[in-house]
C-alpha atoms as a PDB file:
ATOM      1  CA  UNK A   1      32.596 -14.808 -10.585  1.00  0.00           C
ATOM      2  CA  UNK A   2      30.885 -15.217 -13.972  1.00  0.00           C
ATOM      3  CA  UNK A   3      27.595 -16.446 -12.510  1.00  0.00           C
ATOM      4  CA  UNK A   4      26.530 -15.136  -9.034  1.00  0.00           C
ATOM      5  CA  UNK A   5      24.743 -18.453  -8.369  1.00  0.00           C
ATOM      6  CA  UNK A   6      27.955 -20.551  -9.139  1.00  0.00           C
ATOM      7  CA  UNK A   7      30.662 -19.278  -6.658  1.00  0.00           C
ATOM      8  CA  UNK A   8      33.669 -20.448  -8.768  1.00  0.00           C
ATOM      9  CA  UNK A   9      35.546 -20.336 -12.006  1.00  0.00           C
ATOM     10  CA  UNK A  10      36.004 -23.708 -13.821  1.00  0.00           C
ATOM     11  CA  UNK A  11      38.236 -24.601 -16.670  1.00  0.00           C
ATOM     12  CA  UNK A  12      37.032 -27.801 -18.126  1.00  0.00           C
ATOM     13  CA  UNK A  13      39.818 -30.086 -19.592  1.00  0.00           C
ATOM     14  CA  UNK A  14      42.427 -27.227 -19.707  1.00  0.00           C
ATOM     15  CA  UNK A  15      45.542 -28.115 -21.767  1.00  0.00           C
ATOM     16  CA  UNK A  16      48.945 -26.541 -21.499  1.00  0.00           C
ATOM     17  CA  UNK A  17      51.963 -26.874 -23.720  1.00  0.00           C
ATOM     18  CA  UNK A  18      55.133 -25.328 -22.230  1.00  0.00           C
ATOM     19  CA  UNK A  19      53.998 -22.538 -19.857  1.00  0.00           C
ATOM     20  CA  UNK A  20      50.447 -21.587 -18.992  1.00  0.00           C
ATOM     21  CA  UNK A  21      50.988 -17.769 -18.652  1.00  0.00           C
ATOM     22  CA  UNK A  22      52.989 -15.443 -16.478  1.00  0.00           C
ATOM     23  CA  UNK A  23      52.882 -16.174 -12.751  1.00  0.00           C
ATOM     24  CA  UNK A  24      49.851 -14.741 -10.966  1.00  0.00           C
ATOM     25  CA  UNK A  25      48.122 -14.752  -7.484  1.00  0.00           C
ATOM     26  CA  UNK A  26      44.627 -14.047  -6.186  1.00  0.00           C
ATOM     27  CA  UNK A  27      42.680 -14.448  -2.960  1.00  0.00           C
ATOM     28  CA  UNK A  28      40.782 -17.417  -3.995  1.00  0.00           C
ATOM     29  CA  UNK A  29      42.009 -21.004  -3.615  1.00  0.00           C
ATOM     30  CA  UNK A  30      42.728 -22.857  -6.793  1.00  0.00           C
ATOM     31  CA  UNK A  31      42.349 -26.725  -7.134  1.00  0.00           C
ATOM     32  CA  UNK A  32      44.208 -28.290 -10.117  1.00  0.00           C
ATOM     33  CA  UNK A  33      43.356 -31.930 -10.915  1.00  0.00           C
ATOM     34  CA  UNK A  34      45.735 -33.464 -13.543  1.00  0.00           C
ATOM     35  CA  UNK A  35      44.477 -36.125 -15.846  1.00  0.00           C
ATOM     36  CA  UNK A  36      47.202 -36.505 -18.531  1.00  0.00           C
ATOM     37  CA  UNK A  37      50.846 -35.513 -19.156  1.00  0.00           C
ATOM     38  CA  UNK A  38      53.692 -34.452 -16.939  1.00  0.00           C
ATOM     39  CA  UNK A  39      54.945 -31.120 -15.768  1.00  0.00           C
ATOM     40  CA  UNK A  40      55.226 -28.937 -12.606  1.00  0.00           C
ATOM     41  CA  UNK A  41      53.442 -26.333 -10.713  1.00  0.00           C
ATOM     42  CA  UNK A  42      55.529 -23.379  -9.361  1.00  0.00           C
ATOM     43  CA  UNK A  43      54.037 -21.985  -6.129  1.00  0.00           C
ATOM     44  CA  UNK A  44      55.842 -19.323  -4.151  1.00  0.00           C
ATOM     45  CA  UNK A  45      59.149 -20.513  -5.531  1.00  0.00           C
ATOM     46  CA  UNK A  46      58.566 -24.267  -4.658  1.00  0.00           C
ATOM     47  CA  UNK A  47      58.460 -26.516  -7.656  1.00  0.00           C
ATOM     48  CA  UNK A  48      55.797 -29.367  -7.454  1.00  0.00           C
ATOM     49  CA  UNK A  49      56.321 -32.188  -9.999  1.00  0.00           C
ATOM     50  CA  UNK A  50      52.862 -33.457 -11.257  1.00  0.00           C
ATOM     51  CA  UNK A  51      51.486 -36.209 -13.418  1.00  0.00           C
ATOM     52  CA  UNK A  52      48.054 -37.832 -14.061  1.00  0.00           C
ATOM     53  CA  UNK A  53      46.263 -38.494 -10.832  1.00  0.00           C
ATOM     54  CA  UNK A  54      47.826 -35.578  -8.879  1.00  0.00           C
ATOM     55  CA  UNK A  55      46.047 -32.736  -7.336  1.00  0.00           C
ATOM     56  CA  UNK A  56      47.515 -29.340  -6.472  1.00  0.00           C
ATOM     57  CA  UNK A  57      45.903 -26.849  -4.165  1.00  0.00           C
ATOM     58  CA  UNK A  58      47.251 -23.274  -4.744  1.00  0.00           C
ATOM     59  CA  UNK A  59      46.652 -21.454  -1.502  1.00  0.00           C
ATOM     60  CA  UNK A  60      45.390 -17.931  -0.986  1.00  0.00           C
ATOM     61  CA  UNK A  61      47.727 -15.303  -2.545  1.00  0.00           C
ATOM     62  CA  UNK A  62      50.446 -17.858  -3.557  1.00  0.00           C
ATOM     63  CA  UNK A  63      52.310 -16.741  -6.704  1.00  0.00           C
ATOM     64  CA  UNK A  64      51.796 -19.676  -9.038  1.00  0.00           C
ATOM     65  CA  UNK A  65      52.441 -20.969 -12.643  1.00  0.00           C
ATOM     66  CA  UNK A  66      51.995 -24.214 -14.586  1.00  0.00           C
ATOM     67  CA  UNK A  67      54.786 -25.641 -16.862  1.00  0.00           C
ATOM     68  CA  UNK A  68      54.209 -28.629 -19.005  1.00  0.00           C
ATOM     69  CA  UNK A  69      56.897 -31.041 -20.248  1.00  0.00           C
ATOM     70  CA  UNK A  70      55.807 -31.441 -22.901  1.00  0.00           C
ATOM     71  CA  UNK A  71      52.032 -31.140 -22.184  1.00  0.00           C
ATOM     72  CA  UNK A  72      49.512 -31.340 -19.286  1.00  0.00           C
ATOM     73  CA  UNK A  73      45.819 -31.821 -19.275  1.00  0.00           C
ATOM     74  CA  UNK A  74      43.786 -30.819 -16.157  1.00  0.00           C
ATOM     75  CA  UNK A  75      40.775 -29.340 -14.581  1.00  0.00           C
ATOM     76  CA  UNK A  76      41.053 -26.112 -12.764  1.00  0.00           C
ATOM     77  CA  UNK A  77      38.507 -24.993 -10.064  1.00  0.00           C
ATOM     78  CA  UNK A  78      38.973 -21.545  -8.553  1.00  0.00           C
ATOM     79  CA  UNK A  79      36.702 -21.212  -5.512  1.00  0.00           C
ATOM     80  CA  UNK A  80      35.294 -17.857  -4.508  1.00  0.00           C
ATOM     81  CA  UNK A  81      36.747 -16.701  -1.164  1.00  0.00           C
ATOM     82  CA  UNK A  82      33.400 -15.328  -0.093  1.00  0.00           C
ATOM     83  CA  UNK A  83      31.723 -18.649  -0.572  1.00  0.00           C
ATOM     84  CA  UNK A  84      34.371 -20.208   1.730  1.00  0.00           C
ATOM     85  CA  UNK A  85      33.917 -17.637   4.345  1.00  0.00           C
ATOM     86  CA  UNK A  86      30.054 -18.043   4.315  1.00  0.00           C
ATOM     87  CA  UNK A  87      30.622 -21.714   4.818  1.00  0.00           C
ATOM     88  CA  UNK A  88      33.018 -21.322   7.875  1.00  0.00           C
ATOM     89  CA  UNK A  89      36.315 -21.562   6.041  1.00  0.00           C
ATOM     90  CA  UNK A  90      38.636 -18.691   6.290  1.00  0.00           C
ATOM     91  CA  UNK A  91      41.145 -19.271   3.492  1.00  0.00           C
ATOM     92  CA  UNK A  92      43.431 -16.600   4.955  1.00  0.00           C
ATOM     93  CA  UNK A  93      43.932 -18.839   8.088  1.00  0.00           C
ATOM     94  CA  UNK A  94      43.676 -22.194   6.406  1.00  0.00           C
ATOM     95  CA  UNK A  95      46.759 -23.711   4.737  1.00  0.00           C
ATOM     96  CA  UNK A  96      46.061 -26.581   2.470  1.00  0.00           C
ATOM     97  CA  UNK A  97      48.729 -29.273   1.517  1.00  0.00           C
ATOM     98  CA  UNK A  98      49.962 -28.236  -1.890  1.00  0.00           C
ATOM     99  CA  UNK A  99      50.374 -31.642  -3.497  1.00  0.00           C
ATOM    100  CA  UNK A 100      47.957 -34.416  -3.008  1.00  0.00           C
ATOM    101  CA  UNK A 101      47.125 -37.925  -4.113  1.00  0.00           C
ATOM    102  CA  UNK A 102      43.654 -38.659  -2.781  1.00  0.00           C
ATOM    103  CA  UNK A 103      41.328 -41.041  -4.776  1.00  0.00           C
ATOM    104  CA  UNK A 104      38.213 -39.686  -2.991  1.00  0.00           C
ATOM    105  CA  UNK A 105      38.986 -36.091  -3.823  1.00  0.00           C
ATOM    106  CA  UNK A 106      40.024 -37.011  -7.406  1.00  0.00           C
ATOM    107  CA  UNK A 107      36.714 -38.761  -7.798  1.00  0.00           C
ATOM    108  CA  UNK A 108      34.735 -35.790  -6.508  1.00  0.00           C
ATOM    109  CA  UNK A 109      36.579 -33.590  -8.996  1.00  0.00           C
ATOM    110  CA  UNK A 110      35.704 -35.881 -11.877  1.00  0.00           C
ATOM    111  CA  UNK A 111      32.015 -35.966 -10.759  1.00  0.00           C
ATOM    112  CA  UNK A 112      32.041 -32.175 -10.616  1.00  0.00           C
ATOM    113  CA  UNK A 113      33.426 -31.939 -14.156  1.00  0.00           C
ATOM    114  CA  UNK A 114      30.824 -34.287 -15.509  1.00  0.00           C
ATOM    115  CA  UNK A 115      28.025 -32.412 -13.905  1.00  0.00           C
ATOM    116  CA  UNK A 116      29.359 -29.088 -14.993  1.00  0.00           C
ATOM    117  CA  UNK A 117      29.172 -30.220 -18.614  1.00  0.00           C
ATOM    118  CA  UNK A 118      25.431 -31.161 -18.251  1.00  0.00           C
ATOM    119  CA  UNK A 119      23.934 -27.832 -18.949  1.00  0.00           C
ATOM    120  CA  UNK A 120      20.392 -29.196 -19.104  1.00  0.00           C
ATOM    121  CA  UNK A 121      20.684 -31.357 -15.796  1.00  0.00           C
ATOM    122  CA  UNK A 122      17.840 -30.789 -13.312  1.00  0.00           C
ATOM    123  CA  UNK A 123      18.939 -28.903 -10.260  1.00  0.00           C
ATOM    124  CA  UNK A 124      22.376 -28.345 -11.815  1.00  0.00           C
ATOM    125  CA  UNK A 125      23.252 -25.311  -9.698  1.00  0.00           C
ATOM    126  CA  UNK A 126      22.176 -26.984  -6.413  1.00  0.00           C
ATOM    127  CA  UNK A 127      24.181 -30.118  -7.183  1.00  0.00           C
ATOM    128  CA  UNK A 128      27.264 -28.220  -8.186  1.00  0.00           C
ATOM    129  CA  UNK A 129      27.170 -26.128  -4.990  1.00  0.00           C
ATOM    130  CA  UNK A 130      26.657 -29.252  -2.967  1.00  0.00           C
ATOM    131  CA  UNK A 131      29.683 -31.003  -4.703  1.00  0.00           C
ATOM    132  CA  UNK A 132      31.720 -27.836  -4.147  1.00  0.00           C
ATOM    133  CA  UNK A 133      30.999 -28.083  -0.347  1.00  0.00           C
ATOM    134  CA  UNK A 134      31.914 -31.803  -0.422  1.00  0.00           C
ATOM    135  CA  UNK A 135      35.231 -30.939  -1.929  1.00  0.00           C
ATOM    136  CA  UNK A 136      36.035 -28.114   0.464  1.00  0.00           C
ATOM    137  CA  UNK A 137      34.892 -30.348   3.380  1.00  0.00           C
ATOM    138  CA  UNK A 138      37.269 -33.055   2.345  1.00  0.00           C
ATOM    139  CA  UNK A 139      40.139 -30.753   1.845  1.00  0.00           C
ATOM    140  CA  UNK A 140      39.547 -29.108   5.281  1.00  0.00           C
ATOM    141  CA  UNK A 141      39.193 -32.349   7.088  1.00  0.00           C
ATOM    142  CA  UNK A 142      42.127 -34.313   5.531  1.00  0.00           C
ATOM    143  CA  UNK A 143      44.504 -31.846   4.061  1.00  0.00           C
ATOM    144  CA  UNK A 144      44.615 -28.538   5.919  1.00  0.00           C
ATOM    145  CA  UNK A 145      46.351 -26.734   8.810  1.00  0.00           C
ATOM    146  CA  UNK A 146      44.350 -24.067  10.694  1.00  0.00           C
ATOM    147  CA  UNK A 147      46.343 -20.977  11.841  1.00  0.00           C
ATOM    148  CA  UNK A 148      45.306 -18.912  14.851  1.00  0.00           C
ATOM    149  CA  UNK A 149      45.831 -15.729  12.993  1.00  0.00           C
ATOM    150  CA  UNK A 150      45.680 -14.881   9.146  1.00  0.00           C
ATOM    151  CA  UNK A 151      48.664 -16.163   7.200  1.00  0.00           C
ATOM    152  CA  UNK A 152      51.041 -13.535   5.841  1.00  0.00           C
ATOM    153  CA  UNK A 153      53.456 -13.225   3.114  1.00  0.00           C
ATOM    154  CA  UNK A 154      57.077 -13.252   3.994  1.00  0.00           C
ATOM    155  CA  UNK A 155      58.845  -9.940   3.434  1.00  0.00           C
ATOM    156  CA  UNK A 156      60.460 -11.412   0.357  1.00  0.00           C
ATOM    157  CA  UNK A 157      57.289 -12.593  -1.302  1.00  0.00           C
ATOM    158  CA  UNK A 158      55.613  -9.276  -0.498  1.00  0.00           C
ATOM    159  CA  UNK A 159      58.499  -7.563  -2.220  1.00  0.00           C
ATOM    160  CA  UNK A 160      58.360  -9.680  -5.408  1.00  0.00           C
ATOM    161  CA  UNK A 161      54.500  -9.079  -5.539  1.00  0.00           C
ATOM    162  CA  UNK A 162      55.138  -5.324  -5.328  1.00  0.00           C
ATOM    163  CA  UNK A 163      57.513  -5.533  -8.229  1.00  0.00           C
ATOM    164  CA  UNK A 164      55.105  -7.669 -10.394  1.00  0.00           C
ATOM    165  CA  UNK A 165      52.259  -5.326  -9.550  1.00  0.00           C
ATOM    166  CA  UNK A 166      54.384  -2.306 -10.493  1.00  0.00           C
ATOM    167  CA  UNK A 167      55.400  -3.902 -13.876  1.00  0.00           C
ATOM    168  CA  UNK A 168      51.738  -4.392 -14.628  1.00  0.00           C
ATOM    169  CA  UNK A 169      50.597  -0.976 -13.594  1.00  0.00           C
ATOM    170  CA  UNK A 170      53.580   0.849 -15.338  1.00  0.00           C
ATOM    171  CA  UNK A 171      54.182  -1.278 -18.360  1.00  0.00           C
ATOM    172  CA  UNK A 172      53.733   1.869 -20.510  1.00  0.00           C
ATOM    173  CA  UNK A 173      56.874   3.286 -19.057  1.00  0.00           C
ATOM    174  CA  UNK A 174      60.494   2.348 -19.573  1.00  0.00           C
ATOM    175  CA  UNK A 175      61.221  -0.040 -16.723  1.00  0.00           C
ATOM    176  CA  UNK A 176      64.840  -0.664 -15.589  1.00  0.00           C
ATOM    177  CA  UNK A 177      66.303  -3.184 -13.187  1.00  0.00           C
ATOM    178  CA  UNK A 178      67.609  -0.356 -11.187  1.00  0.00           C
ATOM    179  CA  UNK A 179      64.235   1.220 -10.466  1.00  0.00           C
ATOM    180  CA  UNK A 180      62.615  -2.088  -9.710  1.00  0.00           C
ATOM    181  CA  UNK A 181      65.475  -2.989  -7.300  1.00  0.00           C
ATOM    182  CA  UNK A 182      64.963   0.349  -5.503  1.00  0.00           C
ATOM    183  CA  UNK A 183      61.320  -0.389  -5.247  1.00  0.00           C
ATOM    184  CA  UNK A 184      61.928  -3.909  -3.744  1.00  0.00           C
ATOM    185  CA  UNK A 185      64.548  -2.578  -1.451  1.00  0.00           C
ATOM    186  CA  UNK A 186      67.161  -5.141  -2.910  1.00  0.00           C
ATOM    187  CA  UNK A 187      70.326  -5.126  -4.824  1.00  0.00           C
ATOM    188  CA  UNK A 188      69.954  -5.696  -8.631  1.00  0.00           C
ATOM    189  CA  UNK A 189      71.694  -9.026  -8.359  1.00  0.00           C
ATOM    190  CA  UNK A 190      69.552 -10.319  -5.351  1.00  0.00           C
ATOM    191  CA  UNK A 191      66.279  -9.214  -7.037  1.00  0.00           C
ATOM    192  CA  UNK A 192      67.361 -10.904 -10.257  1.00  0.00           C
ATOM    193  CA  UNK A 193      68.002 -14.241  -8.421  1.00  0.00           C
ATOM    194  CA  UNK A 194      65.008 -14.085  -6.146  1.00  0.00           C
ATOM    195  CA  UNK A 195      62.572 -13.036  -8.957  1.00  0.00           C
ATOM    196  CA  UNK A 196      63.720 -15.941 -11.212  1.00  0.00           C
ATOM    197  CA  UNK A 197      63.404 -18.465  -8.260  1.00  0.00           C
ATOM    198  CA  UNK A 198      59.960 -17.456  -7.322  1.00  0.00           C
ATOM    199  CA  UNK A 199      58.434 -16.814 -10.792  1.00  0.00           C
ATOM    200  CA  UNK A 200      60.574 -18.875 -13.158  1.00  0.00           C
ATOM    201  CA  UNK A 201      61.227 -15.767 -15.369  1.00  0.00           C
ATOM    202  CA  UNK A 202      64.047 -13.298 -15.241  1.00  0.00           C
ATOM    203  CA  UNK A 203      62.841  -9.775 -14.753  1.00  0.00           C
ATOM    204  CA  UNK A 204      63.484  -8.740 -18.287  1.00  0.00           C
ATOM    205  CA  UNK A 205      61.637 -11.873 -19.638  1.00  0.00           C
ATOM    206  CA  UNK A 206      58.677 -11.186 -17.454  1.00  0.00           C
ATOM    207  CA  UNK A 207      58.604  -7.487 -18.731  1.00  0.00           C
ATOM    208  CA  UNK A 208      58.881  -8.453 -22.429  1.00  0.00           C
ATOM    209  CA  UNK A 209      56.161 -11.157 -21.886  1.00  0.00           C
END
Protein backbone atom coordinates (compact mmCIF):
# COMPACT_ATOMS: atom_id res chain seq x y z
CA UNK A 1 0.00 0.00 0.00
CA UNK A 2 1.35 3.51 -0.82
CA UNK A 3 0.77 4.81 2.73
CA UNK A 4 1.18 2.38 5.67
CA UNK A 5 -1.45 4.33 7.63
CA UNK A 6 -4.01 3.99 4.83
CA UNK A 7 -4.59 0.27 4.14
CA UNK A 8 -5.97 0.67 0.63
CA UNK A 9 -5.29 1.79 -2.94
CA UNK A 10 -7.83 4.29 -4.20
CA UNK A 11 -8.43 5.51 -7.75
CA UNK A 12 -10.50 8.69 -7.64
CA UNK A 13 -12.89 9.17 -10.60
CA UNK A 14 -11.19 6.58 -12.78
CA UNK A 15 -12.27 6.65 -16.44
CA UNK A 16 -12.07 3.81 -18.97
CA UNK A 17 -12.66 3.91 -22.70
CA UNK A 18 -12.76 0.47 -24.31
CA UNK A 19 -10.63 -1.83 -22.03
CA UNK A 20 -8.87 -0.92 -18.79
CA UNK A 21 -5.85 -3.24 -19.10
CA UNK A 22 -5.03 -6.91 -19.41
CA UNK A 23 -6.90 -9.12 -16.92
CA UNK A 24 -5.25 -9.40 -13.51
CA UNK A 25 -5.84 -10.81 -10.04
CA UNK A 26 -4.61 -10.11 -6.52
CA UNK A 27 -5.28 -11.19 -2.94
CA UNK A 28 -7.02 -7.93 -2.00
CA UNK A 29 -10.74 -7.37 -2.55
CA UNK A 30 -11.58 -4.61 -5.03
CA UNK A 31 -14.72 -2.46 -4.87
CA UNK A 32 -15.81 -0.67 -8.06
CA UNK A 33 -18.45 2.04 -7.74
CA UNK A 34 -19.81 3.16 -11.14
CA UNK A 35 -21.05 6.74 -11.54
CA UNK A 36 -21.37 7.29 -15.32
CA UNK A 37 -21.49 5.34 -18.57
CA UNK A 38 -22.06 1.69 -19.40
CA UNK A 39 -19.89 -1.38 -19.82
CA UNK A 40 -19.08 -4.65 -18.13
CA UNK A 41 -16.76 -6.28 -15.65
CA UNK A 42 -15.32 -9.67 -16.51
CA UNK A 43 -14.68 -11.71 -13.35
CA UNK A 44 -13.50 -15.34 -13.55
CA UNK A 45 -15.16 -15.73 -16.94
CA UNK A 46 -18.50 -14.22 -15.87
CA UNK A 47 -19.58 -10.98 -17.57
CA UNK A 48 -21.32 -8.48 -15.29
CA UNK A 49 -23.09 -5.63 -17.17
CA UNK A 50 -22.73 -2.33 -15.28
CA UNK A 51 -24.05 1.22 -15.43
CA UNK A 52 -24.29 4.25 -13.12
CA UNK A 53 -25.31 3.25 -9.59
CA UNK A 54 -23.90 -0.27 -9.76
CA UNK A 55 -21.23 -1.62 -7.41
CA UNK A 56 -19.02 -4.58 -8.27
CA UNK A 57 -16.98 -6.45 -5.66
CA UNK A 58 -14.04 -8.37 -7.10
CA UNK A 59 -13.31 -11.21 -4.71
CA UNK A 60 -9.87 -12.42 -3.66
CA UNK A 61 -7.79 -13.80 -6.55
CA UNK A 62 -10.55 -13.40 -9.15
CA UNK A 63 -9.25 -12.77 -12.68
CA UNK A 64 -10.91 -9.51 -13.67
CA UNK A 65 -11.00 -6.80 -16.32
CA UNK A 66 -13.18 -3.78 -17.11
CA UNK A 67 -14.66 -3.07 -20.54
CA UNK A 68 -16.42 0.21 -21.36
CA UNK A 69 -19.05 0.67 -24.07
CA UNK A 70 -18.20 3.35 -24.96
CA UNK A 71 -16.95 4.74 -21.62
CA UNK A 72 -17.19 4.19 -17.85
CA UNK A 73 -16.43 6.47 -14.94
CA UNK A 74 -16.04 4.94 -11.51
CA UNK A 75 -14.24 4.87 -8.17
CA UNK A 76 -11.94 1.95 -7.40
CA UNK A 77 -11.14 0.93 -3.82
CA UNK A 78 -8.66 -1.93 -3.28
CA UNK A 79 -8.61 -2.98 0.37
CA UNK A 80 -5.47 -4.48 1.92
CA UNK A 81 -6.07 -8.10 2.91
CA UNK A 82 -4.05 -7.71 6.13
CA UNK A 83 -6.37 -4.87 7.22
CA UNK A 84 -9.37 -7.13 6.65
CA UNK A 85 -7.73 -9.94 8.66
CA UNK A 86 -6.83 -7.62 11.54
CA UNK A 87 -10.51 -6.71 11.78
CA UNK A 88 -11.82 -10.28 11.74
CA UNK A 89 -12.61 -10.62 8.03
CA UNK A 90 -10.78 -13.45 6.25
CA UNK A 91 -11.28 -12.63 2.57
CA UNK A 92 -10.06 -16.12 1.64
CA UNK A 93 -13.15 -17.54 3.38
CA UNK A 94 -15.58 -14.72 2.55
CA UNK A 95 -17.31 -14.58 -0.82
CA UNK A 96 -18.98 -11.25 -1.59
CA UNK A 97 -21.87 -10.88 -4.04
CA UNK A 98 -20.22 -9.62 -7.24
CA UNK A 99 -22.87 -7.17 -8.51
CA UNK A 100 -24.79 -4.92 -6.12
CA UNK A 101 -27.30 -2.10 -6.05
CA UNK A 102 -27.19 -0.77 -2.50
CA UNK A 103 -27.97 2.89 -1.85
CA UNK A 104 -26.38 2.86 1.61
CA UNK A 105 -23.14 1.34 0.31
CA UNK A 106 -23.11 3.72 -2.66
CA UNK A 107 -23.51 6.67 -0.27
CA UNK A 108 -20.63 5.42 1.89
CA UNK A 109 -18.43 5.13 -1.20
CA UNK A 110 -19.28 8.70 -2.25
CA UNK A 111 -18.52 9.94 1.26
CA UNK A 112 -15.21 8.07 1.16
CA UNK A 113 -14.37 9.73 -2.16
CA UNK A 114 -15.16 13.22 -0.86
CA UNK A 115 -13.07 12.71 2.27
CA UNK A 116 -10.17 11.21 0.32
CA UNK A 117 -9.98 14.39 -1.78
CA UNK A 118 -9.74 16.61 1.33
CA UNK A 119 -6.00 16.42 2.01
CA UNK A 120 -6.17 19.11 4.70
CA UNK A 121 -9.14 17.65 6.60
CA UNK A 122 -8.63 17.25 10.36
CA UNK A 123 -8.24 13.60 11.40
CA UNK A 124 -8.44 12.57 7.73
CA UNK A 125 -6.62 9.25 8.27
CA UNK A 126 -8.79 8.32 11.24
CA UNK A 127 -11.99 9.16 9.35
CA UNK A 128 -10.93 7.25 6.24
CA UNK A 129 -10.08 4.14 8.26
CA UNK A 130 -13.40 4.42 10.08
CA UNK A 131 -15.30 4.74 6.77
CA UNK A 132 -13.41 1.78 5.35
CA UNK A 133 -14.53 -0.32 8.32
CA UNK A 134 -18.13 0.82 7.76
CA UNK A 135 -17.92 -0.24 4.10
CA UNK A 136 -16.46 -3.64 5.04
CA UNK A 137 -19.03 -4.13 7.79
CA UNK A 138 -21.93 -3.40 5.44
CA UNK A 139 -20.54 -5.75 2.79
CA UNK A 140 -20.09 -8.54 5.32
CA UNK A 141 -23.51 -8.14 6.93
CA UNK A 142 -25.60 -7.79 3.76
CA UNK A 143 -23.66 -9.19 0.81
CA UNK A 144 -21.40 -12.06 1.87
CA UNK A 145 -21.27 -15.82 2.31
CA UNK A 146 -18.81 -17.28 4.82
CA UNK A 147 -17.17 -20.60 3.93
CA UNK A 148 -15.94 -23.07 6.53
CA UNK A 149 -12.59 -23.44 4.78
CA UNK A 150 -10.59 -21.18 2.43
CA UNK A 151 -12.07 -20.76 -1.03
CA UNK A 152 -10.00 -22.41 -3.73
CA UNK A 153 -9.68 -21.84 -7.45
CA UNK A 154 -11.13 -24.43 -9.73
CA UNK A 155 -8.53 -26.50 -11.54
CA UNK A 156 -9.44 -24.64 -14.73
CA UNK A 157 -8.87 -21.17 -13.24
CA UNK A 158 -5.62 -22.31 -11.64
CA UNK A 159 -4.40 -23.53 -15.05
CA UNK A 160 -5.25 -20.24 -16.76
CA UNK A 161 -3.50 -18.29 -13.98
CA UNK A 162 -0.40 -20.44 -14.43
CA UNK A 163 -0.41 -19.63 -18.16
CA UNK A 164 -0.82 -15.89 -17.51
CA UNK A 165 1.95 -15.93 -14.90
CA UNK A 166 4.24 -17.80 -17.30
CA UNK A 167 3.55 -15.30 -20.11
CA UNK A 168 4.53 -12.42 -17.81
CA UNK A 169 7.62 -14.17 -16.45
CA UNK A 170 8.91 -15.39 -19.82
CA UNK A 171 7.74 -12.62 -22.16
CA UNK A 172 11.35 -12.18 -23.35
CA UNK A 173 11.24 -15.70 -24.86
CA UNK A 174 9.41 -16.95 -27.96
CA UNK A 175 6.06 -18.21 -26.66
CA UNK A 176 4.00 -20.73 -28.57
CA UNK A 177 0.48 -22.02 -28.13
CA UNK A 178 1.93 -25.55 -28.04
CA UNK A 179 4.19 -24.82 -25.05
CA UNK A 180 1.45 -22.98 -23.16
CA UNK A 181 -1.05 -25.77 -23.77
CA UNK A 182 1.48 -28.27 -22.45
CA UNK A 183 2.00 -26.11 -19.36
CA UNK A 184 -1.77 -25.95 -18.74
CA UNK A 185 -2.27 -29.66 -19.43
CA UNK A 186 -4.83 -28.91 -22.16
CA UNK A 187 -5.16 -29.26 -25.88
CA UNK A 188 -4.38 -26.13 -27.90
CA UNK A 189 -8.01 -25.81 -28.93
CA UNK A 190 -9.35 -26.13 -25.39
CA UNK A 191 -6.79 -23.67 -24.01
CA UNK A 192 -7.68 -21.15 -26.71
CA UNK A 193 -11.42 -21.35 -25.97
CA UNK A 194 -11.00 -21.30 -22.18
CA UNK A 195 -8.43 -18.51 -22.14
CA UNK A 196 -10.69 -16.30 -24.27
CA UNK A 197 -13.76 -17.03 -22.14
CA UNK A 198 -12.01 -16.16 -18.87
CA UNK A 199 -9.86 -13.20 -19.98
CA UNK A 200 -11.69 -11.80 -23.00
CA UNK A 201 -8.44 -12.07 -25.01
CA UNK A 202 -7.11 -14.75 -27.30
CA UNK A 203 -3.74 -16.15 -26.16
CA UNK A 204 -1.93 -14.36 -29.01
CA UNK A 205 -3.71 -11.05 -28.29
CA UNK A 206 -2.68 -11.30 -24.65
CA UNK A 207 0.96 -12.05 -25.51
CA UNK A 208 1.10 -9.16 -27.98
CA UNK A 209 -0.51 -6.79 -25.49
